[in-house]
PDB file of all heavy atoms in Angstrom:
ATOM      1  N   ALA A   1      -7.275  46.646  95.907  1.00  0.00           N
ATOM      2  CA  ALA A   1      -7.748  46.462  94.534  1.00  0.00           C
ATOM      3  C   ALA A   1      -8.145  47.788  93.888  1.00  0.00           C
ATOM      4  O   ALA A   1      -8.129  47.914  92.663  1.00  0.00           O
ATOM      5  CB  ALA A   1      -8.938  45.496  94.518  1.00  0.00           C
ATOM      6  N   GLN A   2      -8.502  48.787  94.700  1.00  0.00           N
ATOM      7  CA  GLN A   2      -8.910  50.093  94.166  1.00  0.00           C
ATOM      8  C   GLN A   2      -7.810  51.141  94.278  1.00  0.00           C
ATOM      9  O   GLN A   2      -7.888  52.186  93.639  1.00  0.00           O
ATOM     10  CB  GLN A   2     -10.132  50.612  94.936  1.00  0.00           C
ATOM     11  CG  GLN A   2     -11.389  49.785  94.800  1.00  0.00           C
ATOM     12  CD  GLN A   2     -12.487  50.365  95.663  1.00  0.00           C
ATOM     13  OE1 GLN A   2     -12.618  50.018  96.838  1.00  0.00           O
ATOM     14  NE2 GLN A   2     -13.262  51.267  95.082  1.00  0.00           N
ATOM     15  N   ARG A   3      -6.838  50.845  95.040  1.00  0.00           N
ATOM     16  CA  ARG A   3      -5.860  51.869  95.410  1.00  0.00           C
ATOM     17  C   ARG A   3      -4.982  52.261  94.221  1.00  0.00           C
ATOM     18  O   ARG A   3      -4.320  51.420  93.614  1.00  0.00           O
ATOM     19  CB  ARG A   3      -4.981  51.364  96.542  1.00  0.00           C
ATOM     20  CG  ARG A   3      -4.046  52.412  97.132  1.00  0.00           C
ATOM     21  CD  ARG A   3      -3.143  51.778  98.173  1.00  0.00           C
ATOM     22  NE  ARG A   3      -3.929  51.038  99.153  1.00  0.00           N
ATOM     23  CZ  ARG A   3      -3.427  50.075  99.923  1.00  0.00           C
ATOM     24  NH1 ARG A   3      -2.159  49.729  99.805  1.00  0.00           N
ATOM     25  NH2 ARG A   3      -4.215  49.441 100.784  1.00  0.00           N
ATOM     26  N   PRO A   4      -4.937  53.556  93.884  1.00  0.00           N
ATOM     27  CA  PRO A   4      -4.026  53.989  92.819  1.00  0.00           C
ATOM     28  C   PRO A   4      -2.624  54.204  93.382  1.00  0.00           C
ATOM     29  O   PRO A   4      -2.418  54.257  94.592  1.00  0.00           O
ATOM     30  CB  PRO A   4      -4.639  55.317  92.379  1.00  0.00           C
ATOM     31  CG  PRO A   4      -5.241  55.863  93.632  1.00  0.00           C
ATOM     32  CD  PRO A   4      -5.729  54.666  94.407  1.00  0.00           C
ATOM     33  N   ALA A   5      -1.681  54.314  92.482  1.00  0.00           N
ATOM     34  CA  ALA A   5      -0.333  54.727  92.896  1.00  0.00           C
ATOM     35  C   ALA A   5      -0.330  56.249  92.983  1.00  0.00           C
ATOM     36  O   ALA A   5      -0.748  56.935  92.045  1.00  0.00           O
ATOM     37  CB  ALA A   5       0.702  54.246  91.892  1.00  0.00           C
ATOM     38  N   VAL A   6       0.092  56.773  94.112  1.00  0.00           N
ATOM     39  CA  VAL A   6       0.055  58.216  94.342  1.00  0.00           C
ATOM     40  C   VAL A   6       1.472  58.768  94.281  1.00  0.00           C
ATOM     41  O   VAL A   6       2.375  58.285  94.982  1.00  0.00           O
ATOM     42  CB  VAL A   6      -0.590  58.549  95.696  1.00  0.00           C
ATOM     43  CG1 VAL A   6      -0.629  60.061  95.909  1.00  0.00           C
ATOM     44  CG2 VAL A   6      -2.002  57.975  95.773  1.00  0.00           C
ATOM     45  N   ILE A   7       1.648  59.766  93.450  1.00  0.00           N
ATOM     46  CA  ILE A   7       2.943  60.426  93.306  1.00  0.00           C
ATOM     47  C   ILE A   7       2.777  61.881  93.743  1.00  0.00           C
ATOM     48  O   ILE A   7       1.985  62.621  93.152  1.00  0.00           O
ATOM     49  CB  ILE A   7       3.440  60.376  91.840  1.00  0.00           C
ATOM     50  CG1 ILE A   7       3.616  58.923  91.392  1.00  0.00           C
ATOM     51  CG2 ILE A   7       4.739  61.160  91.696  1.00  0.00           C
ATOM     52  CD1 ILE A   7       3.883  58.794  89.908  1.00  0.00           C
ATOM     53  N   HIS A   8       3.504  62.278  94.766  1.00  0.00           N
ATOM     54  CA  HIS A   8       3.474  63.670  95.223  1.00  0.00           C
ATOM     55  C   HIS A   8       4.643  64.397  94.574  1.00  0.00           C
ATOM     56  O   HIS A   8       5.783  64.334  95.043  1.00  0.00           O
ATOM     57  CB  HIS A   8       3.557  63.731  96.744  1.00  0.00           C
ATOM     58  CG  HIS A   8       2.428  63.026  97.439  1.00  0.00           C
ATOM     59  ND1 HIS A   8       1.123  63.437  97.349  1.00  0.00           N
ATOM     60  CD2 HIS A   8       2.416  61.905  98.225  1.00  0.00           C
ATOM     61  CE1 HIS A   8       0.346  62.628  98.054  1.00  0.00           C
ATOM     62  NE2 HIS A   8       1.105  61.678  98.594  1.00  0.00           N
ATOM     63  N   PHE A   9       4.358  65.057  93.455  1.00  0.00           N
ATOM     64  CA  PHE A   9       5.411  65.730  92.684  1.00  0.00           C
ATOM     65  C   PHE A   9       5.496  67.190  93.135  1.00  0.00           C
ATOM     66  O   PHE A   9       4.499  67.913  93.085  1.00  0.00           O
ATOM     67  CB  PHE A   9       5.087  65.642  91.189  1.00  0.00           C
ATOM     68  CG  PHE A   9       6.149  66.224  90.303  1.00  0.00           C
ATOM     69  CD1 PHE A   9       7.461  65.778  90.367  1.00  0.00           C
ATOM     70  CD2 PHE A   9       5.834  67.225  89.396  1.00  0.00           C
ATOM     71  CE1 PHE A   9       8.435  66.311  89.545  1.00  0.00           C
ATOM     72  CE2 PHE A   9       6.800  67.772  88.572  1.00  0.00           C
ATOM     73  CZ  PHE A   9       8.109  67.311  88.647  1.00  0.00           C
ATOM     74  N   ARG A  10       6.669  67.621  93.588  1.00  0.00           N
ATOM     75  CA  ARG A  10       6.848  68.976  94.102  1.00  0.00           C
ATOM     76  C   ARG A  10       7.916  69.684  93.278  1.00  0.00           C
ATOM     77  O   ARG A  10       9.113  69.624  93.584  1.00  0.00           O
ATOM     78  CB  ARG A  10       7.240  68.940  95.582  1.00  0.00           C
ATOM     79  CG  ARG A  10       6.200  68.231  96.474  1.00  0.00           C
ATOM     80  CD  ARG A  10       4.889  68.978  96.476  1.00  0.00           C
ATOM     81  NE  ARG A  10       3.863  68.338  97.300  1.00  0.00           N
ATOM     82  CZ  ARG A  10       2.856  67.625  96.816  1.00  0.00           C
ATOM     83  NH1 ARG A  10       2.742  67.437  95.500  1.00  0.00           N
ATOM     84  NH2 ARG A  10       1.959  67.089  97.610  1.00  0.00           N
ATOM     85  N   PRO A  11       7.518  70.363  92.213  1.00  0.00           N
ATOM     86  CA  PRO A  11       8.493  70.922  91.270  1.00  0.00           C
ATOM     87  C   PRO A  11       9.412  71.983  91.866  1.00  0.00           C
ATOM     88  O   PRO A  11      10.522  72.173  91.390  1.00  0.00           O
ATOM     89  CB  PRO A  11       7.611  71.512  90.157  1.00  0.00           C
ATOM     90  CG  PRO A  11       6.262  71.687  90.781  1.00  0.00           C
ATOM     91  CD  PRO A  11       6.129  70.594  91.777  1.00  0.00           C
ATOM     92  N   TRP A  12       8.943  72.712  92.908  1.00  0.00           N
ATOM     93  CA  TRP A  12       9.796  73.761  93.473  1.00  0.00           C
ATOM     94  C   TRP A  12      10.994  73.193  94.225  1.00  0.00           C
ATOM     95  O   TRP A  12      11.913  73.911  94.572  1.00  0.00           O
ATOM     96  CB  TRP A  12       8.992  74.683  94.387  1.00  0.00           C
ATOM     97  CG  TRP A  12       8.362  73.982  95.552  1.00  0.00           C
ATOM     98  CD1 TRP A  12       8.902  73.753  96.762  1.00  0.00           C
ATOM     99  CD2 TRP A  12       7.065  73.399  95.573  1.00  0.00           C
ATOM    100  NE1 TRP A  12       8.036  73.066  97.565  1.00  0.00           N
ATOM    101  CE2 TRP A  12       6.885  72.830  96.854  1.00  0.00           C
ATOM    102  CE3 TRP A  12       6.031  73.295  94.649  1.00  0.00           C
ATOM    103  CZ2 TRP A  12       5.724  72.174  97.222  1.00  0.00           C
ATOM    104  CZ3 TRP A  12       4.879  72.650  95.020  1.00  0.00           C
ATOM    105  CH2 TRP A  12       4.721  72.098  96.285  1.00  0.00           C
ATOM    106  N   LEU A  13      10.974  71.884  94.498  1.00  0.00           N
ATOM    107  CA  LEU A  13      12.123  71.248  95.153  1.00  0.00           C
ATOM    108  C   LEU A  13      13.207  70.875  94.153  1.00  0.00           C
ATOM    109  O   LEU A  13      14.300  70.484  94.543  1.00  0.00           O
ATOM    110  CB  LEU A  13      11.669  69.991  95.910  1.00  0.00           C
ATOM    111  CG  LEU A  13      10.650  70.213  97.031  1.00  0.00           C
ATOM    112  CD1 LEU A  13      10.257  68.884  97.657  1.00  0.00           C
ATOM    113  CD2 LEU A  13      11.235  71.138  98.098  1.00  0.00           C
ATOM    114  N   ILE A  14      12.869  70.991  92.867  1.00  0.00           N
ATOM    115  CA  ILE A  14      13.844  70.657  91.816  1.00  0.00           C
ATOM    116  C   ILE A  14      14.588  71.929  91.462  1.00  0.00           C
ATOM    117  O   ILE A  14      14.025  72.859  90.886  1.00  0.00           O
ATOM    118  CB  ILE A  14      13.137  70.072  90.577  1.00  0.00           C
ATOM    119  CG1 ILE A  14      12.364  68.823  90.982  1.00  0.00           C
ATOM    120  CG2 ILE A  14      14.137  69.758  89.484  1.00  0.00           C
ATOM    121  CD1 ILE A  14      11.444  68.294  89.899  1.00  0.00           C
ATOM    122  N   GLY A  15      15.843  71.993  91.855  1.00  0.00           N
ATOM    123  CA  GLY A  15      16.605  73.226  91.682  1.00  0.00           C
ATOM    124  C   GLY A  15      16.804  73.606  90.236  1.00  0.00           C
ATOM    125  O   GLY A  15      16.825  74.779  89.882  1.00  0.00           O
ATOM    126  N   ASN A  16      16.931  72.619  89.357  1.00  0.00           N
ATOM    127  CA  ASN A  16      17.169  72.887  87.944  1.00  0.00           C
ATOM    128  C   ASN A  16      15.871  72.660  87.176  1.00  0.00           C
ATOM    129  O   ASN A  16      15.353  71.541  87.122  1.00  0.00           O
ATOM    130  CB  ASN A  16      18.274  71.945  87.438  1.00  0.00           C
ATOM    131  CG  ASN A  16      18.651  72.246  85.996  1.00  0.00           C
ATOM    132  OD1 ASN A  16      17.979  73.001  85.315  1.00  0.00           O
ATOM    133  ND2 ASN A  16      19.743  71.624  85.560  1.00  0.00           N
ATOM    134  N   ARG A  17      15.344  73.684  86.564  1.00  0.00           N
ATOM    135  CA  ARG A  17      14.085  73.551  85.845  1.00  0.00           C
ATOM    136  C   ARG A  17      14.195  72.555  84.685  1.00  0.00           C
ATOM    137  O   ARG A  17      13.222  71.952  84.278  1.00  0.00           O
ATOM    138  CB  ARG A  17      13.641  74.914  85.312  1.00  0.00           C
ATOM    139  CG  ARG A  17      13.210  75.875  86.396  1.00  0.00           C
ATOM    140  CD  ARG A  17      12.636  77.137  85.807  1.00  0.00           C
ATOM    141  NE  ARG A  17      13.626  77.842  85.012  1.00  0.00           N
ATOM    142  CZ  ARG A  17      13.330  78.823  84.164  1.00  0.00           C
ATOM    143  NH1 ARG A  17      12.078  79.177  83.992  1.00  0.00           N
ATOM    144  NH2 ARG A  17      14.276  79.438  83.486  1.00  0.00           N
ATOM    145  N   ASP A  18      15.406  72.412  84.162  1.00  0.00           N
ATOM    146  CA  ASP A  18      15.604  71.513  83.030  1.00  0.00           C
ATOM    147  C   ASP A  18      15.343  70.056  83.407  1.00  0.00           C
ATOM    148  O   ASP A  18      15.164  69.206  82.549  1.00  0.00           O
ATOM    149  CB  ASP A  18      17.038  71.643  82.500  1.00  0.00           C
ATOM    150  CG  ASP A  18      17.398  73.092  82.196  1.00  0.00           C
ATOM    151  OD1 ASP A  18      16.466  73.859  81.912  1.00  0.00           O
ATOM    152  OD2 ASP A  18      18.588  73.432  82.261  1.00  0.00           O
ATOM    153  N   ALA A  19      15.348  69.769  84.691  1.00  0.00           N
ATOM    154  CA  ALA A  19      15.184  68.378  85.143  1.00  0.00           C
ATOM    155  C   ALA A  19      13.734  68.027  85.425  1.00  0.00           C
ATOM    156  O   ALA A  19      13.455  66.936  85.933  1.00  0.00           O
ATOM    157  CB  ALA A  19      16.027  68.155  86.396  1.00  0.00           C
ATOM    158  N   LEU A  20      12.794  68.921  85.115  1.00  0.00           N
ATOM    159  CA  LEU A  20      11.397  68.664  85.449  1.00  0.00           C
ATOM    160  C   LEU A  20      10.877  67.376  84.805  1.00  0.00           C
ATOM    161  O   LEU A  20      10.270  66.525  85.463  1.00  0.00           O
ATOM    162  CB  LEU A  20      10.526  69.848  85.010  1.00  0.00           C
ATOM    163  CG  LEU A  20      10.551  71.092  85.910  1.00  0.00           C
ATOM    164  CD1 LEU A  20       9.833  72.240  85.223  1.00  0.00           C
ATOM    165  CD2 LEU A  20       9.913  70.793  87.248  1.00  0.00           C
ATOM    166  N   ILE A  21      11.096  67.224  83.479  1.00  0.00           N
ATOM    167  CA  ILE A  21      10.566  66.054  82.775  1.00  0.00           C
ATOM    168  C   ILE A  21      11.193  64.783  83.326  1.00  0.00           C
ATOM    169  O   ILE A  21      10.501  63.824  83.685  1.00  0.00           O
ATOM    170  CB  ILE A  21      10.833  66.151  81.257  1.00  0.00           C
ATOM    171  CG1 ILE A  21      10.123  67.388  80.678  1.00  0.00           C
ATOM    172  CG2 ILE A  21      10.346  64.888  80.553  1.00  0.00           C
ATOM    173  CD1 ILE A  21      10.413  67.601  79.211  1.00  0.00           C
ATOM    174  N   SER A  22      12.515  64.787  83.383  1.00  0.00           N
ATOM    175  CA  SER A  22      13.199  63.568  83.826  1.00  0.00           C
ATOM    176  C   SER A  22      12.819  63.223  85.264  1.00  0.00           C
ATOM    177  O   SER A  22      12.708  62.043  85.619  1.00  0.00           O
ATOM    178  CB  SER A  22      14.714  63.725  83.694  1.00  0.00           C
ATOM    179  OG  SER A  22      15.175  64.815  84.478  1.00  0.00           O
ATOM    180  N   SER A  23      12.610  64.250  86.119  1.00  0.00           N
ATOM    181  CA  SER A  23      12.251  63.992  87.505  1.00  0.00           C
ATOM    182  C   SER A  23      10.882  63.328  87.601  1.00  0.00           C
ATOM    183  O   SER A  23      10.698  62.348  88.342  1.00  0.00           O
ATOM    184  CB  SER A  23      12.256  65.304  88.302  1.00  0.00           C
ATOM    185  OG  SER A  23      11.844  65.074  89.622  1.00  0.00           O
ATOM    186  N   LEU A  24       9.905  63.827  86.845  1.00  0.00           N
ATOM    187  CA  LEU A  24       8.576  63.239  86.893  1.00  0.00           C
ATOM    188  C   LEU A  24       8.566  61.835  86.288  1.00  0.00           C
ATOM    189  O   LEU A  24       7.915  60.916  86.802  1.00  0.00           O
ATOM    190  CB  LEU A  24       7.572  64.141  86.174  1.00  0.00           C
ATOM    191  CG  LEU A  24       6.107  63.686  86.225  1.00  0.00           C
ATOM    192  CD1 LEU A  24       5.663  63.384  87.649  1.00  0.00           C
ATOM    193  CD2 LEU A  24       5.202  64.742  85.610  1.00  0.00           C
ATOM    194  N   PHE A  25       9.309  61.655  85.197  1.00  0.00           N
ATOM    195  CA  PHE A  25       9.424  60.315  84.618  1.00  0.00           C
ATOM    196  C   PHE A  25      10.030  59.336  85.614  1.00  0.00           C
ATOM    197  O   PHE A  25       9.612  58.180  85.712  1.00  0.00           O
ATOM    198  CB  PHE A  25      10.284  60.354  83.352  1.00  0.00           C
ATOM    199  CG  PHE A  25       9.491  60.593  82.097  1.00  0.00           C
ATOM    200  CD1 PHE A  25       9.814  61.615  81.229  1.00  0.00           C
ATOM    201  CD2 PHE A  25       8.417  59.769  81.777  1.00  0.00           C
ATOM    202  CE1 PHE A  25       9.099  61.821  80.072  1.00  0.00           C
ATOM    203  CE2 PHE A  25       7.693  59.979  80.610  1.00  0.00           C
ATOM    204  CZ  PHE A  25       8.023  61.014  79.759  1.00  0.00           C
ATOM    205  N   THR A  26      11.032  59.796  86.341  1.00  0.00           N
ATOM    206  CA  THR A  26      11.672  58.928  87.329  1.00  0.00           C
ATOM    207  C   THR A  26      10.695  58.520  88.412  1.00  0.00           C
ATOM    208  O   THR A  26      10.642  57.352  88.828  1.00  0.00           O
ATOM    209  CB  THR A  26      12.886  59.644  87.948  1.00  0.00           C
ATOM    210  OG1 THR A  26      13.826  59.950  86.918  1.00  0.00           O
ATOM    211  CG2 THR A  26      13.555  58.772  89.002  1.00  0.00           C
ATOM    212  N   GLU A  27       9.885  59.513  88.899  1.00  0.00           N
ATOM    213  CA  GLU A  27       8.875  59.207  89.913  1.00  0.00           C
ATOM    214  C   GLU A  27       7.883  58.165  89.375  1.00  0.00           C
ATOM    215  O   GLU A  27       7.509  57.211  90.077  1.00  0.00           O
ATOM    216  CB  GLU A  27       8.128  60.484  90.300  1.00  0.00           C
ATOM    217  CG  GLU A  27       8.954  61.505  91.056  1.00  0.00           C
ATOM    218  CD  GLU A  27       9.023  61.191  92.548  1.00  0.00           C
ATOM    219  OE1 GLU A  27       8.456  60.171  92.978  1.00  0.00           O
ATOM    220  OE2 GLU A  27       9.656  61.964  93.266  1.00  0.00           O
ATOM    221  N   LEU A  28       7.456  58.346  88.136  1.00  0.00           N
ATOM    222  CA  LEU A  28       6.494  57.424  87.535  1.00  0.00           C
ATOM    223  C   LEU A  28       7.107  56.039  87.357  1.00  0.00           C
ATOM    224  O   LEU A  28       6.466  55.007  87.622  1.00  0.00           O
ATOM    225  CB  LEU A  28       6.018  57.989  86.196  1.00  0.00           C
ATOM    226  CG  LEU A  28       4.930  57.203  85.459  1.00  0.00           C
ATOM    227  CD1 LEU A  28       3.693  57.034  86.337  1.00  0.00           C
ATOM    228  CD2 LEU A  28       4.567  57.915  84.158  1.00  0.00           C
ATOM    229  N   SER A  29       8.369  56.000  86.945  1.00  0.00           N
ATOM    230  CA  SER A  29       9.069  54.721  86.773  1.00  0.00           C
ATOM    231  C   SER A  29       9.175  53.971  88.094  1.00  0.00           C
ATOM    232  O   SER A  29       8.955  52.754  88.160  1.00  0.00           O
ATOM    233  CB  SER A  29      10.460  54.970  86.190  1.00  0.00           C
ATOM    234  OG  SER A  29      11.191  53.764  86.106  1.00  0.00           O
ATOM    235  N   ASN A  30       9.497  54.707  89.151  1.00  0.00           N
ATOM    236  CA  ASN A  30       9.609  54.073  90.470  1.00  0.00           C
ATOM    237  C   ASN A  30       8.271  53.485  90.913  1.00  0.00           C
ATOM    238  O   ASN A  30       8.217  52.414  91.530  1.00  0.00           O
ATOM    239  CB  ASN A  30      10.098  55.087  91.501  1.00  0.00           C
ATOM    240  CG  ASN A  30      11.546  55.502  91.269  1.00  0.00           C
ATOM    241  OD1 ASN A  30      12.308  54.784  90.606  1.00  0.00           O
ATOM    242  ND2 ASN A  30      11.924  56.652  91.799  1.00  0.00           N
ATOM    243  N   GLN A  31       7.188  54.198  90.618  1.00  0.00           N
ATOM    244  CA  GLN A  31       5.877  53.700  91.004  1.00  0.00           C
ATOM    245  C   GLN A  31       5.492  52.450  90.208  1.00  0.00           C
ATOM    246  O   GLN A  31       4.879  51.517  90.745  1.00  0.00           O
ATOM    247  CB  GLN A  31       4.822  54.794  90.817  1.00  0.00           C
ATOM    248  CG  GLN A  31       4.831  55.857  91.894  1.00  0.00           C
ATOM    249  CD  GLN A  31       4.462  55.298  93.254  1.00  0.00           C
ATOM    250  OE1 GLN A  31       3.632  54.397  93.370  1.00  0.00           O
ATOM    251  NE2 GLN A  31       5.103  55.818  94.288  1.00  0.00           N
ATOM    252  N   LEU A  32       5.855  52.415  88.926  1.00  0.00           N
ATOM    253  CA  LEU A  32       5.587  51.220  88.124  1.00  0.00           C
ATOM    254  C   LEU A  32       6.351  50.020  88.657  1.00  0.00           C
ATOM    255  O   LEU A  32       5.831  48.893  88.710  1.00  0.00           O
ATOM    256  CB  LEU A  32       5.952  51.485  86.658  1.00  0.00           C
ATOM    257  CG  LEU A  32       4.924  52.314  85.869  1.00  0.00           C
ATOM    258  CD1 LEU A  32       5.519  52.774  84.543  1.00  0.00           C
ATOM    259  CD2 LEU A  32       3.654  51.502  85.629  1.00  0.00           C
ATOM    260  N   ASP A  33       7.594  50.260  89.072  1.00  0.00           N
ATOM    261  CA  ASP A  33       8.373  49.173  89.674  1.00  0.00           C
ATOM    262  C   ASP A  33       7.712  48.681  90.956  1.00  0.00           C
ATOM    263  O   ASP A  33       7.684  47.477  91.243  1.00  0.00           O
ATOM    264  CB  ASP A  33       9.797  49.647  89.971  1.00  0.00           C
ATOM    265  CG  ASP A  33      10.611  49.856  88.702  1.00  0.00           C
ATOM    266  OD1 ASP A  33      10.195  49.347  87.644  1.00  0.00           O
ATOM    267  OD2 ASP A  33      11.662  50.550  88.785  1.00  0.00           O
ATOM    268  N   GLN A  34       7.163  49.635  91.752  1.00  0.00           N
ATOM    269  CA  GLN A  34       6.510  49.254  92.996  1.00  0.00           C
ATOM    270  C   GLN A  34       5.226  48.473  92.724  1.00  0.00           C
ATOM    271  O   GLN A  34       4.899  47.501  93.428  1.00  0.00           O
ATOM    272  CB  GLN A  34       6.196  50.507  93.821  1.00  0.00           C
ATOM    273  CG  GLN A  34       5.663  50.213  95.216  1.00  0.00           C
ATOM    274  CD  GLN A  34       6.672  49.482  96.074  1.00  0.00           C
ATOM    275  OE1 GLN A  34       7.856  49.844  96.099  1.00  0.00           O
ATOM    276  NE2 GLN A  34       6.222  48.429  96.760  1.00  0.00           N
ATOM    277  N   VAL A  35       4.486  48.886  91.664  1.00  0.00           N
ATOM    278  CA  VAL A  35       3.281  48.156  91.277  1.00  0.00           C
ATOM    279  C   VAL A  35       3.631  46.722  90.895  1.00  0.00           C
ATOM    280  O   VAL A  35       2.947  45.760  91.280  1.00  0.00           O
ATOM    281  CB  VAL A  35       2.558  48.880  90.123  1.00  0.00           C
ATOM    282  CG1 VAL A  35       1.437  48.005  89.547  1.00  0.00           C
ATOM    283  CG2 VAL A  35       1.983  50.205  90.607  1.00  0.00           C
ATOM    284  N   ALA A  36       4.707  46.553  90.144  1.00  0.00           N
ATOM    285  CA  ALA A  36       5.150  45.207  89.749  1.00  0.00           C
ATOM    286  C   ALA A  36       5.521  44.385  90.965  1.00  0.00           C
ATOM    287  O   ALA A  36       5.222  43.188  91.057  1.00  0.00           O
ATOM    288  CB  ALA A  36       6.329  45.312  88.787  1.00  0.00           C
ATOM    289  N   LEU A  37       6.178  45.048  91.925  1.00  0.00           N
ATOM    290  CA  LEU A  37       6.598  44.351  93.140  1.00  0.00           C
ATOM    291  C   LEU A  37       5.404  43.912  93.975  1.00  0.00           C
ATOM    292  O   LEU A  37       5.399  42.823  94.581  1.00  0.00           O
ATOM    293  CB  LEU A  37       7.517  45.265  93.958  1.00  0.00           C
ATOM    294  CG  LEU A  37       8.155  44.665  95.210  1.00  0.00           C
ATOM    295  CD1 LEU A  37       9.097  43.523  94.839  1.00  0.00           C
ATOM    296  CD2 LEU A  37       8.924  45.740  95.974  1.00  0.00           C
ATOM    297  N   ASP A  38       4.368  44.780  94.022  1.00  0.00           N
ATOM    298  CA  ASP A  38       3.206  44.483  94.848  1.00  0.00           C
ATOM    299  C   ASP A  38       2.220  43.535  94.177  1.00  0.00           C
ATOM    300  O   ASP A  38       1.326  42.997  94.835  1.00  0.00           O
ATOM    301  CB  ASP A  38       2.460  45.772  95.206  1.00  0.00           C
ATOM    302  CG  ASP A  38       3.298  46.673  96.103  1.00  0.00           C
ATOM    303  OD1 ASP A  38       4.240  46.169  96.730  1.00  0.00           O
ATOM    304  OD2 ASP A  38       2.988  47.887  96.152  1.00  0.00           O
ATOM    305  N   ALA A  39       2.305  43.351  92.851  1.00  0.00           N
ATOM    306  CA  ALA A  39       1.332  42.546  92.117  1.00  0.00           C
ATOM    307  C   ALA A  39       1.394  41.086  92.550  1.00  0.00           C
ATOM    308  O   ALA A  39       2.450  40.547  92.852  1.00  0.00           O
ATOM    309  CB  ALA A  39       1.567  42.661  90.618  1.00  0.00           C
ATOM    310  N   GLY A  40       0.259  40.425  92.543  1.00  0.00           N
ATOM    311  CA  GLY A  40       0.203  39.015  92.929  1.00  0.00           C
ATOM    312  C   GLY A  40      -1.173  38.473  92.672  1.00  0.00           C
ATOM    313  O   GLY A  40      -2.025  39.131  92.065  1.00  0.00           O
TER     314      GLY A  40
END
């Protein structure tokens, strides 16, 4: 009930700097999907 969704974002692993925004959005989107899956 208290647990947040934790995203470990490591920008140096992203070879193309232009993909920073989309990469973080993707991580956040995946976590929202997981929250929906875990909800009950």
